[in-house]
Amino acid sequence: MLVDVEVAIPKALENSSFFFADIQNNQIDDNGRNILKFMATQGEGGVISQQTILQRFLNCESSLLLLLQRELIEENNQGYFFQIELIRY
């Protein structure tokens, strides 16, 4: 049920701080971190075109590849989006 998920999210965020810290500090670079922050501002389910990201973040191709390899984002024919919405928070 949706109510159960909404109740579980704050606890999941609280208990998974090491997971999120590891992503931020060890698994992505500064460009990747900035891309994720920008994507998060687009709201739930937001899709950002590759062109928008490449224009906004210079020399970010390797960062995008790393985000895809880490399965933090996915790509479809419209652009990039969070694979798991919880990462957006």
PDB file of N, CA and C in Angstrom:
ATOM      1  N   MET A   1       0.826  -1.182   0.000  1.00  0.00           N
ATOM      2  CA  MET A   1       0.000   0.000   0.000  1.00  0.00           C
ATOM      3  C   MET A   1       0.876   1.253   0.000  1.00  0.00           C
ATOM      4  N   LEU A   2       0.352   2.292  -0.607  1.00  0.00           N
ATOM      5  CA  LEU A   2       1.073   3.552  -0.708  1.00  0.00           C
ATOM      6  C   LEU A   2       1.374   4.138   0.670  1.00  0.00           C
ATOM      7  N   VAL A   3       0.452   4.017   1.586  1.00  0.00           N
ATOM      8  CA  VAL A   3       0.650   4.547   2.941  1.00  0.00           C
ATOM      9  C   VAL A   3       1.854   3.880   3.601  1.00  0.00           C
ATOM     10  N   ASP A   4       1.990   2.573   3.412  1.00  0.00           N
ATOM     11  CA  ASP A   4       3.120   1.850   3.995  1.00  0.00           C
ATOM     12  C   ASP A   4       4.448   2.349   3.428  1.00  0.00           C
ATOM     13  N   VAL A   5       4.465   2.604   2.136  1.00  0.00           N
ATOM     14  CA  VAL A   5       5.681   3.111   1.496  1.00  0.00           C
ATOM     15  C   VAL A   5       6.020   4.497   2.028  1.00  0.00           C
ATOM     16  N   GLU A   6       5.017   5.364   2.135  1.00  0.00           N
ATOM     17  CA  GLU A   6       5.258   6.720   2.634  1.00  0.00           C
ATOM     18  C   GLU A   6       5.759   6.719   4.069  1.00  0.00           C
ATOM     19  N   VAL A   7       5.295   5.788   4.868  1.00  0.00           N
ATOM     20  CA  VAL A   7       5.764   5.673   6.256  1.00  0.00           C
ATOM     21  C   VAL A   7       7.197   5.144   6.279  1.00  0.00           C
ATOM     22  N   ALA A   8       7.528   4.257   5.346  1.00  0.00           N
ATOM     23  CA  ALA A   8       8.850   3.623   5.344  1.00  0.00           C
ATOM     24  C   ALA A   8       9.949   4.539   4.814  1.00  0.00           C
ATOM     25  N   ILE A   9       9.620   5.491   3.972  1.00  0.00           N
ATOM     26  CA  ILE A   9      10.650   6.335   3.342  1.00  0.00           C
ATOM     27  C   ILE A   9      11.511   7.079   4.360  1.00  0.00           C
ATOM     28  N   PRO A  10      10.949   7.796   5.338  1.00  0.00           N
ATOM     29  CA  PRO A  10      11.830   8.485   6.304  1.00  0.00           C
ATOM     30  C   PRO A  10      12.764   7.534   7.042  1.00  0.00           C
ATOM     31  N   LYS A  11      12.266   6.360   7.422  1.00  0.00           N
ATOM     32  CA  LYS A  11      13.124   5.396   8.111  1.00  0.00           C
ATOM     33  C   LYS A  11      14.216   4.875   7.177  1.00  0.00           C
ATOM     34  N   ALA A  12      13.857   4.637   5.928  1.00  0.00           N
ATOM     35  CA  ALA A  12      14.844   4.154   4.964  1.00  0.00           C
ATOM     36  C   ALA A  12      15.938   5.190   4.763  1.00  0.00           C
ATOM     37  N   LEU A  13      15.549   6.453   4.653  1.00  0.00           N
ATOM     38  CA  LEU A  13      16.543   7.517   4.493  1.00  0.00           C
ATOM     39  C   LEU A  13      17.439   7.623   5.715  1.00  0.00           C
ATOM     40  N   GLU A  14      16.859   7.526   6.883  1.00  0.00           N
ATOM     41  CA  GLU A  14      17.625   7.619   8.125  1.00  0.00           C
ATOM     42  C   GLU A  14      18.597   6.457   8.263  1.00  0.00           C
ATOM     43  N   ASN A  15      18.134   5.251   7.967  1.00  0.00           N
ATOM     44  CA  ASN A  15      18.960   4.057   8.146  1.00  0.00           C
ATOM     45  C   ASN A  15      19.930   3.810   7.003  1.00  0.00           C
ATOM     46  N   SER A  16      19.760   4.503   5.915  1.00  0.00           N
ATOM     47  CA  SER A  16      20.628   4.258   4.767  1.00  0.00           C
ATOM     48  C   SER A  16      21.613   5.395   4.527  1.00  0.00           C
ATOM     49  N   SER A  17      21.894   6.164   5.546  1.00  0.00           N
ATOM     50  CA  SER A  17      22.788   7.309   5.363  1.00  0.00           C
ATOM     51  C   SER A  17      24.174   6.886   4.888  1.00  0.00           C
ATOM     52  N   PHE A  18      24.653   5.725   5.322  1.00  0.00           N
ATOM     53  CA  PHE A  18      25.964   5.252   4.860  1.00  0.00           C
ATOM     54  C   PHE A  18      25.924   4.934   3.371  1.00  0.00           C
ATOM     55  N   PHE A  19      24.825   4.359   2.915  1.00  0.00           N
ATOM     56  CA  PHE A  19      24.658   4.046   1.494  1.00  0.00           C
ATOM     57  C   PHE A  19      24.739   5.316   0.662  1.00  0.00           C
ATOM     58  N   PHE A  20      23.988   6.343   1.059  1.00  0.00           N
ATOM     59  CA  PHE A  20      23.978   7.595   0.308  1.00  0.00           C
ATOM     60  C   PHE A  20      25.310   8.333   0.422  1.00  0.00           C
ATOM     61  N   ALA A  21      25.938   8.271   1.581  1.00  0.00           N
ATOM     62  CA  ALA A  21      27.249   8.906   1.746  1.00  0.00           C
ATOM     63  C   ALA A  21      28.283   8.233   0.858  1.00  0.00           C
ATOM     64  N   ASP A  22      28.209   6.916   0.741  1.00  0.00           N
ATOM     65  CA  ASP A  22      29.150   6.201  -0.118  1.00  0.00           C
ATOM     66  C   ASP A  22      28.960   6.601  -1.573  1.00  0.00           C
ATOM     67  N   ILE A  23      27.725   6.725  -2.011  1.00  0.00           N
ATOM     68  CA  ILE A  23      27.486   7.174  -3.387  1.00  0.00           C
ATOM     69  C   ILE A  23      28.099   8.546  -3.588  1.00  0.00           C
ATOM     70  N   GLN A  24      27.779   9.461  -2.691  1.00  0.00           N
ATOM     71  CA  GLN A  24      28.223  10.841  -2.845  1.00  0.00           C
ATOM     72  C   GLN A  24      29.735  10.985  -2.734  1.00  0.00           C
ATOM     73  N   ASN A  25      30.348  10.266  -1.823  1.00  0.00           N
ATOM     74  CA  ASN A  25      31.770  10.471  -1.536  1.00  0.00           C
ATOM     75  C   ASN A  25      32.718   9.543  -2.286  1.00  0.00           C
ATOM     76  N   ASN A  26      32.240   8.374  -2.695  1.00  0.00           N
ATOM     77  CA  ASN A  26      33.156   7.387  -3.261  1.00  0.00           C
ATOM     78  C   ASN A  26      32.796   6.888  -4.656  1.00  0.00           C
ATOM     79  N   GLN A  27      31.549   7.000  -5.049  1.00  0.00           N
ATOM     80  CA  GLN A  27      31.142   6.361  -6.294  1.00  0.00           C
ATOM     81  C   GLN A  27      30.968   7.325  -7.470  1.00  0.00           C
ATOM     82  N   ILE A  28      30.880   8.609  -7.206  1.00  0.00           N
ATOM     83  CA  ILE A  28      30.688   9.566  -8.292  1.00  0.00           C
ATOM     84  C   ILE A  28      31.647  10.738  -8.124  1.00  0.00           C
ATOM     85  N   ASP A  29      31.865  11.448  -9.212  1.00  0.00           N
ATOM     86  CA  ASP A  29      32.744  12.610  -9.168  1.00  0.00           C
ATOM     87  C   ASP A  29      31.916  13.887  -8.996  1.00  0.00           C
ATOM     88  N   ASP A  30      32.585  15.026  -8.941  1.00  0.00           N
ATOM     89  CA  ASP A  30      31.891  16.298  -8.739  1.00  0.00           C
ATOM     90  C   ASP A  30      30.868  16.571  -9.839  1.00  0.00           C
ATOM     91  N   ASN A  31      31.255  16.312 -11.075  1.00  0.00           N
ATOM     92  CA  ASN A  31      30.323  16.524 -12.180  1.00  0.00           C
ATOM     93  C   ASN A  31      29.092  15.632 -12.031  1.00  0.00           C
ATOM     94  N   GLY A  32      29.313  14.377 -11.680  1.00  0.00           N
ATOM     95  CA  GLY A  32      28.199  13.452 -11.473  1.00  0.00           C
ATOM     96  C   GLY A  32      27.281  13.913 -10.368  1.00  0.00           C
ATOM     97  N   ARG A  33      27.867  14.396  -9.293  1.00  0.00           N
ATOM     98  CA  ARG A  33      27.092  14.910  -8.156  1.00  0.00           C
ATOM     99  C   ARG A  33      26.243  16.112  -8.600  1.00  0.00           C
ATOM    100  N   ASN A  34      26.833  16.987  -9.383  1.00  0.00           N
ATOM    101  CA  ASN A  34      26.097  18.163  -9.867  1.00  0.00           C
ATOM    102  C   ASN A  34      24.990  17.773 -10.847  1.00  0.00           C
ATOM    103  N   ILE A  35      25.255  16.777 -11.665  1.00  0.00           N
ATOM    104  CA  ILE A  35      24.223  16.295 -12.588  1.00  0.00           C
ATOM    105  C   ILE A  35      23.048  15.726 -11.802  1.00  0.00           C
ATOM    106  N   LEU A  36      23.334  14.907 -10.793  1.00  0.00           N
ATOM    107  CA  LEU A  36      22.255  14.331  -9.982  1.00  0.00           C
ATOM    108  C   LEU A  36      21.453  15.411  -9.271  1.00  0.00           C
ATOM    109  N   LYS A  37      22.141  16.418  -8.748  1.00  0.00           N
ATOM    110  CA  LYS A  37      21.435  17.517  -8.074  1.00  0.00           C
ATOM    111  C   LYS A  37      20.519  18.245  -9.050  1.00  0.00           C
ATOM    112  N   PHE A  38      21.021  18.500 -10.252  1.00  0.00           N
ATOM    113  CA  PHE A  38      20.208  19.161 -11.271  1.00  0.00           C
ATOM    114  C   PHE A  38      19.006  18.295 -11.647  1.00  0.00           C
ATOM    115  N   MET A  39      19.238  17.028 -11.846  1.00  0.00           N
ATOM    116  CA  MET A  39      18.142  16.129 -12.194  1.00  0.00           C
ATOM    117  C   MET A  39      17.091  16.081 -11.089  1.00  0.00           C
ATOM    118  N   ALA A  40      17.538  16.136  -9.844  1.00  0.00           N
ATOM    119  CA  ALA A  40      16.605  16.080  -8.713  1.00  0.00           C
ATOM    120  C   ALA A  40      15.663  17.280  -8.702  1.00  0.00           C
ATOM    121  N   THR A  41      16.131  18.413  -9.205  1.00  0.00           N
ATOM    122  CA  THR A  41      15.277  19.611  -9.204  1.00  0.00           C
ATOM    123  C   THR A  41      14.138  19.507 -10.210  1.00  0.00           C
ATOM    124  N   GLN A  42      14.205  18.535 -11.092  1.00  0.00           N
ATOM    125  CA  GLN A  42      13.176  18.379 -12.117  1.00  0.00           C
ATOM    126  C   GLN A  42      11.930  17.677 -11.588  1.00  0.00           C
ATOM    127  N   GLY A  43      12.008  17.166 -10.382  1.00  0.00           N
ATOM    128  CA  GLY A  43      10.849  16.535  -9.766  1.00  0.00           C
ATOM    129  C   GLY A  43      10.724  15.055 -10.089  1.00  0.00           C
ATOM    130  N   GLU A  44       9.783  14.439  -9.428  1.00  0.00           N
ATOM    131  CA  GLU A  44       9.557  13.005  -9.564  1.00  0.00           C
ATOM    132  C   GLU A  44       9.263  12.646 -11.018  1.00  0.00           C
ATOM    133  N   GLY A  45       9.973  11.642 -11.501  1.00  0.00           N
ATOM    134  CA  GLY A  45       9.763  11.175 -12.862  1.00  0.00           C
ATOM    135  C   GLY A  45      10.358  12.064 -13.937  1.00  0.00           C
ATOM    136  N   GLY A  46      11.108  13.086 -13.539  1.00  0.00           N
ATOM    137  CA  GLY A  46      11.679  14.008 -14.508  1.00  0.00           C
ATOM    138  C   GLY A  46      12.677  13.329 -15.430  1.00  0.00           C
ATOM    139  N   VAL A  47      12.639  13.702 -16.694  1.00  0.00           N
ATOM    140  CA  VAL A  47      13.577  13.186 -17.690  1.00  0.00           C
ATOM    141  C   VAL A  47      14.302  14.390 -18.281  1.00  0.00           C
ATOM    142  N   ILE A  48      15.624  14.316 -18.303  1.00  0.00           N
ATOM    143  CA  ILE A  48      16.457  15.404 -18.799  1.00  0.00           C
ATOM    144  C   ILE A  48      17.121  14.949 -20.092  1.00  0.00           C
ATOM    145  N   SER A  49      17.005  15.753 -21.118  1.00  0.00           N
ATOM    146  CA  SER A  49      17.597  15.365 -22.402  1.00  0.00           C
ATOM    147  C   SER A  49      19.120  15.366 -22.304  1.00  0.00           C
ATOM    148  N   GLN A  50      19.717  14.535 -23.133  1.00  0.00           N
ATOM    149  CA  GLN A  50      21.173  14.482 -23.184  1.00  0.00           C
ATOM    150  C   GLN A  50      21.727  15.836 -23.600  1.00  0.00           C
ATOM    151  N   GLN A  51      21.078  16.480 -24.533  1.00  0.00           N
ATOM    152  CA  GLN A  51      21.526  17.790 -25.007  1.00  0.00           C
ATOM    153  C   GLN A  51      21.562  18.797 -23.863  1.00  0.00           C
ATOM    154  N   THR A  52      20.536  18.808 -23.012  1.00  0.00           N
ATOM    155  CA  THR A  52      20.485  19.736 -21.877  1.00  0.00           C
ATOM    156  C   THR A  52      21.655  19.496 -20.938  1.00  0.00           C
ATOM    157  N   ILE A  53      21.918  18.246 -20.639  1.00  0.00           N
ATOM    158  CA  ILE A  53      23.016  17.929 -19.718  1.00  0.00           C
ATOM    159  C   ILE A  53      24.362  18.295 -20.338  1.00  0.00           C
ATOM    160  N   LEU A  54      24.554  17.968 -21.591  1.00  0.00           N
ATOM    161  CA  LEU A  54      25.835  18.263 -22.237  1.00  0.00           C
ATOM    162  C   LEU A  54      26.081  19.761 -22.361  1.00  0.00           C
ATOM    163  N   GLN A  55      25.017  20.543 -22.509  1.00  0.00           N
ATOM    164  CA  GLN A  55      25.172  22.000 -22.585  1.00  0.00           C
ATOM    165  C   GLN A  55      25.423  22.593 -21.207  1.00  0.00           C
ATOM    166  N   ARG A  56      24.800  22.050 -20.202  1.00  0.00           N
ATOM    167  CA  ARG A  56      24.886  22.613 -18.858  1.00  0.00           C
ATOM    168  C   ARG A  56      26.174  22.187 -18.128  1.00  0.00           C
ATOM    169  N   PHE A  57      26.645  20.988 -18.398  1.00  0.00           N
ATOM    170  CA  PHE A  57      27.811  20.436 -17.707  1.00  0.00           C
ATOM    171  C   PHE A  57      28.885  20.084 -18.731  1.00  0.00           C
ATOM    172  N   LEU A  58      29.919  20.886 -18.782  1.00  0.00           N
ATOM    173  CA  LEU A  58      30.995  20.681 -19.750  1.00  0.00           C
ATOM    174  C   LEU A  58      31.806  19.436 -19.402  1.00  0.00           C
ATOM    175  N   ASN A  59      32.238  18.737 -20.428  1.00  0.00           N
ATOM    176  CA  ASN A  59      33.089  17.553 -20.265  1.00  0.00           C
ATOM    177  C   ASN A  59      32.492  16.536 -19.289  1.00  0.00           C
ATOM    178  N   CYS A  60      31.215  16.253 -19.447  1.00  0.00           N
ATOM    179  CA  CYS A  60      30.538  15.384 -18.495  1.00  0.00           C
ATOM    180  C   CYS A  60      30.277  13.976 -19.032  1.00  0.00           C
ATOM    181  N   GLU A  61      30.773  13.646 -20.202  1.00  0.00           N
ATOM    182  CA  GLU A  61      30.489  12.345 -20.795  1.00  0.00           C
ATOM    183  C   GLU A  61      30.911  11.201 -19.886  1.00  0.00           C
ATOM    184  N   SER A  62      32.105  11.290 -19.309  1.00  0.00           N
ATOM    185  CA  SER A  62      32.580  10.207 -18.429  1.00  0.00           C
ATOM    186  C   SER A  62      31.757  10.145 -17.152  1.00  0.00           C
ATOM    187  N   SER A  63      31.290  11.297 -16.663  1.00  0.00           N
ATOM    188  CA  SER A  63      30.439  11.309 -15.471  1.00  0.00           C
ATOM    189  C   SER A  63      29.091  10.655 -15.755  1.00  0.00           C
ATOM    190  N   LEU A  64      28.527  10.941 -16.918  1.00  0.00           N
ATOM    191  CA  LEU A  64      27.260  10.304 -17.304  1.00  0.00           C
ATOM    192  C   LEU A  64      27.431   8.794 -17.413  1.00  0.00           C
ATOM    193  N   LEU A  65      28.522   8.371 -18.017  1.00  0.00           N
ATOM    194  CA  LEU A  65      28.787   6.945 -18.142  1.00  0.00           C
ATOM    195  C   LEU A  65      28.901   6.292 -16.769  1.00  0.00           C
ATOM    196  N   LEU A  66      29.585   6.945 -15.853  1.00  0.00           N
ATOM    197  CA  LEU A  66      29.731   6.420 -14.501  1.00  0.00           C
ATOM    198  C   LEU A  66      28.377   6.324 -13.794  1.00  0.00           C
ATOM    199  N   LEU A  67      27.532   7.343 -13.935  1.00  0.00           N
ATOM    200  CA  LEU A  67      26.197   7.315 -13.325  1.00  0.00           C
ATOM    201  C   LEU A  67      25.362   6.169 -13.899  1.00  0.00           C
ATOM    202  N   LEU A  68      25.507   5.927 -15.193  1.00  0.00           N
ATOM    203  CA  LEU A  68      24.799   4.814 -15.827  1.00  0.00           C
ATOM    204  C   LEU A  68      25.347   3.472 -15.340  1.00  0.00           C
ATOM    205  N   GLN A  69      26.671   3.354 -15.246  1.00  0.00           N
ATOM    206  CA  GLN A  69      27.297   2.109 -14.788  1.00  0.00           C
ATOM    207  C   GLN A  69      26.930   1.802 -13.340  1.00  0.00           C
ATOM    208  N   ARG A  70      26.826   2.831 -12.526  1.00  0.00           N
ATOM    209  CA  ARG A  70      26.450   2.658 -11.115  1.00  0.00           C
ATOM    210  C   ARG A  70      24.940   2.423 -10.951  1.00  0.00           C
ATOM    211  N   GLU A  71      24.234   2.511 -12.077  1.00  0.00           N
ATOM    212  CA  GLU A  71      22.781   2.317 -12.119  1.00  0.00           C
ATOM    213  C   GLU A  71      22.036   3.322 -11.247  1.00  0.00           C
ATOM    214  N   LEU A  72      22.585   4.536 -11.195  1.00  0.00           N
ATOM    215  CA  LEU A  72      21.916   5.621 -10.488  1.00  0.00           C
ATOM    216  C   LEU A  72      20.924   6.313 -11.408  1.00  0.00           C
ATOM    217  N   ILE A  73      21.243   6.317 -12.711  1.00  0.00           N
ATOM    218  CA  ILE A  73      20.339   6.875 -13.711  1.00  0.00           C
ATOM    219  C   ILE A  73      20.167   5.861 -14.828  1.00  0.00           C
ATOM    220  N   GLU A  74      19.136   6.072 -15.620  1.00  0.00           N
ATOM    221  CA  GLU A  74      18.894   5.276 -16.824  1.00  0.00           C
ATOM    222  C   GLU A  74      18.719   6.231 -17.983  1.00  0.00           C
ATOM    223  N   GLU A  75      18.769   5.662 -19.165  1.00  0.00           N
ATOM    224  CA  GLU A  75      18.596   6.469 -20.369  1.00  0.00           C
ATOM    225  C   GLU A  75      17.515   5.828 -21.235  1.00  0.00           C
ATOM    226  N   ASN A  76      16.650   6.661 -21.787  1.00  0.00           N
ATOM    227  CA  ASN A  76      15.712   6.196 -22.805  1.00  0.00           C
ATOM    228  C   ASN A  76      15.810   7.158 -23.986  1.00  0.00           C
ATOM    229  N   ASN A  77      14.923   7.047 -24.944  1.00  0.00           N
ATOM    230  CA  ASN A  77      15.032   7.891 -26.128  1.00  0.00           C
ATOM    231  C   ASN A  77      14.740   9.358 -25.852  1.00  0.00           C
ATOM    232  N   GLN A  78      14.212   9.687 -24.668  1.00  0.00           N
ATOM    233  CA  GLN A  78      13.940  11.083 -24.307  1.00  0.00           C
ATOM    234  C   GLN A  78      15.051  11.710 -23.477  1.00  0.00           C
ATOM    235  N   GLY A  79      15.867  10.894 -22.815  1.00  0.00           N
ATOM    236  CA  GLY A  79      16.951  11.429 -22.012  1.00  0.00           C
ATOM    237  C   GLY A  79      17.265  10.566 -20.809  1.00  0.00           C
ATOM    238  N   TYR A  80      17.711  11.215 -19.740  1.00  0.00           N
ATOM    239  CA  TYR A  80      18.147  10.536 -18.534  1.00  0.00           C
ATOM    240  C   TYR A  80      17.139  10.752 -17.411  1.00  0.00           C
ATOM    241  N   PHE A  81      17.015   9.731 -16.555  1.00  0.00           N
ATOM    242  CA  PHE A  81      16.114   9.807 -15.410  1.00  0.00           C
ATOM    243  C   PHE A  81      16.664   8.916 -14.301  1.00  0.00           C
ATOM    244  N   PHE A  82      16.196   9.140 -13.087  1.00  0.00           N
ATOM    245  CA  PHE A  82      16.638   8.328 -11.954  1.00  0.00           C
ATOM    246  C   PHE A  82      16.096   6.916 -12.097  1.00  0.00           C
ATOM    247  N   GLN A  83      16.983   5.949 -11.960  1.00  0.00           N
ATOM    248  CA  GLN A  83      16.543   4.561 -12.027  1.00  0.00           C
ATOM    249  C   GLN A  83      15.649   4.244 -10.822  1.00  0.00           C
ATOM    250  N   ILE A  84      16.020   4.766  -9.669  1.00  0.00           N
ATOM    251  CA  ILE A  84      15.249   4.578  -8.441  1.00  0.00           C
ATOM    252  C   ILE A  84      14.972   5.962  -7.880  1.00  0.00           C
ATOM    253  N   GLU A  85      13.714   6.305  -7.755  1.00  0.00           N
ATOM    254  CA  GLU A  85      13.336   7.650  -7.298  1.00  0.00           C
ATOM    255  C   GLU A  85      13.901   7.994  -5.924  1.00  0.00           C
ATOM    256  N   LEU A  86      14.128   6.994  -5.088  1.00  0.00           N
ATOM    257  CA  LEU A  86      14.666   7.263  -3.747  1.00  0.00           C
ATOM    258  C   LEU A  86      16.018   7.958  -3.835  1.00  0.00           C
ATOM    259  N   ILE A  87      16.784   7.683  -4.872  1.00  0.00           N
ATOM    260  CA  ILE A  87      18.099   8.327  -5.051  1.00  0.00           C
ATOM    261  C   ILE A  87      17.913   9.824  -5.247  1.00  0.00           C
ATOM    262  N   ARG A  88      16.800  10.246  -5.841  1.00  0.00           N
ATOM    263  CA  ARG A  88      16.544  11.665  -6.091  1.00  0.00           C
ATOM    264  C   ARG A  88      16.499  12.457  -4.783  1.00  0.00           C
ATOM    265  N   TYR A  89      16.092  11.852  -3.715  1.00  0.00           N
ATOM    266  CA  TYR A  89      15.990  12.546  -2.434  1.00  0.00           C
ATOM    267  C   TYR A  89      17.352  12.738  -1.828  1.00  0.00           C
TER     268      TYR A  89
END
